[in-house]
């Protein structure tokens, strides 16, 4: 059995960059930054809501 003819395939991969940084890194970093900011704002908002309630306190 003779070898079947074939064509060599060359794949040229290029990394997508934005301002010299890989686009995947900007996407992952942006998502992480958004998560951190959301957590910080949520914690700050929950601490503000826990203000002491004015009322009569027992001295006993």
N, C-alpha and C. Protein backbone atom coordinates (compact mmCIF):
# COMPACT_ATOMS: atom_id res chain seq x y z
N UNK A 1 0.84 -1.17 0.00
CA UNK A 1 0.00 0.00 0.00
C UNK A 1 0.89 1.23 0.00
N UNK A 2 0.64 2.14 -0.89
CA UNK A 2 1.45 3.35 -1.03
C UNK A 2 0.96 4.40 -0.04
N UNK A 3 1.86 5.32 0.32
CA UNK A 3 1.47 6.42 1.21
C UNK A 3 0.45 7.32 0.50
N UNK A 4 -0.54 7.74 1.26
CA UNK A 4 -1.55 8.65 0.71
C UNK A 4 -0.96 10.06 0.63
N UNK A 5 -1.36 10.82 -0.39
CA UNK A 5 -0.85 12.19 -0.48
C UNK A 5 -1.40 13.04 0.69
N UNK A 6 -0.64 14.00 1.09
CA UNK A 6 -1.06 14.86 2.20
C UNK A 6 -0.59 16.28 1.94
N UNK A 7 -1.17 17.21 2.65
CA UNK A 7 -0.74 18.60 2.60
C UNK A 7 -0.32 19.02 3.99
N UNK A 8 0.75 19.70 4.04
CA UNK A 8 1.23 20.21 5.33
C UNK A 8 0.38 21.43 5.70
N UNK A 9 -0.10 21.45 6.93
CA UNK A 9 -0.91 22.55 7.41
C UNK A 9 -0.10 23.33 8.43
N UNK A 10 0.00 24.62 8.21
CA UNK A 10 0.74 25.48 9.14
C UNK A 10 -0.26 26.41 9.80
N UNK A 11 -0.34 26.34 11.13
CA UNK A 11 -1.22 27.22 11.89
C UNK A 11 -0.41 28.39 12.43
N UNK A 12 -0.85 29.58 12.11
CA UNK A 12 -0.16 30.77 12.60
C UNK A 12 -1.02 31.38 13.72
N UNK A 13 -0.61 31.16 14.97
CA UNK A 13 -1.35 31.69 16.11
C UNK A 13 -0.76 33.03 16.52
N UNK A 14 -1.63 33.98 16.78
CA UNK A 14 -1.19 35.28 17.25
C UNK A 14 -1.93 35.62 18.54
N UNK A 15 -1.22 36.16 19.48
CA UNK A 15 -1.82 36.55 20.76
C UNK A 15 -2.42 37.93 20.61
N UNK A 16 -3.72 38.04 20.93
CA UNK A 16 -4.40 39.33 20.85
C UNK A 16 -3.94 40.19 22.01
N UNK A 17 -3.44 41.38 21.70
CA UNK A 17 -2.94 42.27 22.75
C UNK A 17 -3.65 43.62 22.66
N UNK A 18 -3.74 44.26 23.82
CA UNK A 18 -4.30 45.61 23.92
C UNK A 18 -3.28 46.42 24.71
N UNK A 19 -2.74 47.44 24.09
CA UNK A 19 -1.71 48.29 24.71
C UNK A 19 -0.54 47.45 25.22
N UNK A 20 -0.19 46.41 24.49
CA UNK A 20 0.96 45.60 24.85
C UNK A 20 0.67 44.51 25.88
N UNK A 21 -0.54 44.44 26.39
CA UNK A 21 -0.92 43.40 27.36
C UNK A 21 -1.83 42.38 26.69
N UNK A 22 -1.68 41.10 27.05
CA UNK A 22 -2.57 40.09 26.47
C UNK A 22 -4.03 40.37 26.84
N UNK A 23 -4.92 40.21 25.89
CA UNK A 23 -6.34 40.50 26.11
C UNK A 23 -6.93 39.59 27.19
N UNK A 24 -6.50 38.33 27.27
CA UNK A 24 -7.03 37.44 28.30
C UNK A 24 -6.65 37.93 29.68
N UNK A 25 -5.47 38.50 29.82
CA UNK A 25 -5.03 39.00 31.12
C UNK A 25 -5.87 40.21 31.54
N UNK A 26 -6.20 41.07 30.60
CA UNK A 26 -7.06 42.21 30.90
C UNK A 26 -8.46 41.75 31.30
N UNK A 27 -8.97 40.73 30.64
CA UNK A 27 -10.30 40.22 30.94
C UNK A 27 -10.34 39.60 32.35
N UNK A 28 -9.39 38.75 32.65
CA UNK A 28 -9.35 38.09 33.96
C UNK A 28 -9.07 39.12 35.06
N UNK A 29 -8.13 40.01 34.81
CA UNK A 29 -7.80 41.04 35.80
C UNK A 29 -8.98 41.99 36.04
N UNK A 30 -9.68 42.35 34.97
CA UNK A 30 -10.84 43.23 35.11
C UNK A 30 -11.95 42.56 35.89
N UNK A 31 -12.18 41.28 35.66
CA UNK A 31 -13.20 40.54 36.40
C UNK A 31 -12.85 40.43 37.88
N UNK A 32 -11.58 40.16 38.16
CA UNK A 32 -11.14 40.07 39.56
C UNK A 32 -11.26 41.43 40.26
N UNK A 33 -10.89 42.48 39.56
CA UNK A 33 -11.00 43.82 40.13
C UNK A 33 -12.45 44.17 40.41
N UNK A 34 -13.33 43.84 39.50
CA UNK A 34 -14.76 44.09 39.70
C UNK A 34 -15.29 43.32 40.91
N UNK A 35 -14.87 42.08 41.09
CA UNK A 35 -15.30 41.28 42.24
C UNK A 35 -14.81 41.90 43.55
N UNK A 36 -13.56 42.35 43.58
CA UNK A 36 -13.00 42.95 44.79
C UNK A 36 -13.74 44.24 45.13
N UNK A 37 -13.98 45.08 44.16
CA UNK A 37 -14.70 46.34 44.40
C UNK A 37 -16.12 46.06 44.90
N UNK A 38 -16.78 45.06 44.34
CA UNK A 38 -18.13 44.70 44.77
C UNK A 38 -18.12 44.25 46.23
N UNK A 39 -17.16 43.42 46.60
CA UNK A 39 -17.07 42.95 48.00
C UNK A 39 -16.81 44.12 48.94
N UNK A 40 -15.90 45.00 48.58
CA UNK A 40 -15.57 46.14 49.44
C UNK A 40 -16.80 47.04 49.62
N UNK A 41 -17.49 47.35 48.55
CA UNK A 41 -18.68 48.20 48.65
C UNK A 41 -19.79 47.53 49.45
N UNK A 42 -19.95 46.23 49.30
CA UNK A 42 -20.97 45.51 50.06
C UNK A 42 -20.65 45.51 51.55
N UNK A 43 -19.40 45.29 51.91
CA UNK A 43 -19.00 45.29 53.31
C UNK A 43 -19.18 46.68 53.91
N UNK A 44 -18.79 47.70 53.19
CA UNK A 44 -18.95 49.07 53.71
C UNK A 44 -20.42 49.43 53.89
N UNK A 45 -21.26 49.02 52.97
CA UNK A 45 -22.69 49.31 53.06
C UNK A 45 -23.32 48.56 54.23
N UNK A 46 -22.91 47.32 54.46
CA UNK A 46 -23.49 46.55 55.56
C UNK A 46 -23.04 47.11 56.91
N UNK A 47 -21.85 47.65 57.00
CA UNK A 47 -21.38 48.23 58.25
C UNK A 47 -22.12 49.53 58.57
N UNK A 48 -22.49 50.26 57.56
CA UNK A 48 -23.24 51.51 57.77
C UNK A 48 -24.65 51.22 58.28
N UNK A 49 -25.24 50.13 57.84
CA UNK A 49 -26.60 49.79 58.26
C UNK A 49 -26.65 49.32 59.72
N UNK A 50 -25.54 48.89 60.28
CA UNK A 50 -25.50 48.36 61.62
C UNK A 50 -25.33 49.45 62.68
N UNK A 51 -25.69 50.67 62.37
CA UNK A 51 -25.55 51.77 63.32
C UNK A 51 -26.42 51.47 64.55
N UNK A 52 -25.96 51.86 65.72
CA UNK A 52 -26.74 51.58 66.93
C UNK A 52 -28.11 52.26 66.87
N UNK A 53 -29.09 51.54 67.34
CA UNK A 53 -30.46 52.03 67.34
C UNK A 53 -30.69 52.86 68.60
N UNK A 54 -31.19 54.07 68.45
CA UNK A 54 -31.44 54.94 69.59
C UNK A 54 -32.63 54.39 70.37
N UNK A 55 -32.55 54.45 71.70
CA UNK A 55 -33.64 53.95 72.51
C UNK A 55 -33.28 54.04 73.98
N UNK A 56 -34.16 53.57 74.81
CA UNK A 56 -33.94 53.58 76.25
C UNK A 56 -33.15 52.35 76.65
N UNK A 57 -32.09 52.55 77.40
CA UNK A 57 -31.27 51.44 77.85
C UNK A 57 -31.47 51.21 79.33
N UNK A 58 -31.46 50.01 79.68
CA UNK A 58 -31.64 49.65 81.10
C UNK A 58 -30.31 49.84 81.82
N UNK A 59 -30.36 50.34 83.04
CA UNK A 59 -29.14 50.51 83.84
C UNK A 59 -28.92 49.33 84.76
N UNK A 60 -29.75 48.31 84.67
CA UNK A 60 -29.67 47.17 85.58
C UNK A 60 -28.53 46.25 85.25
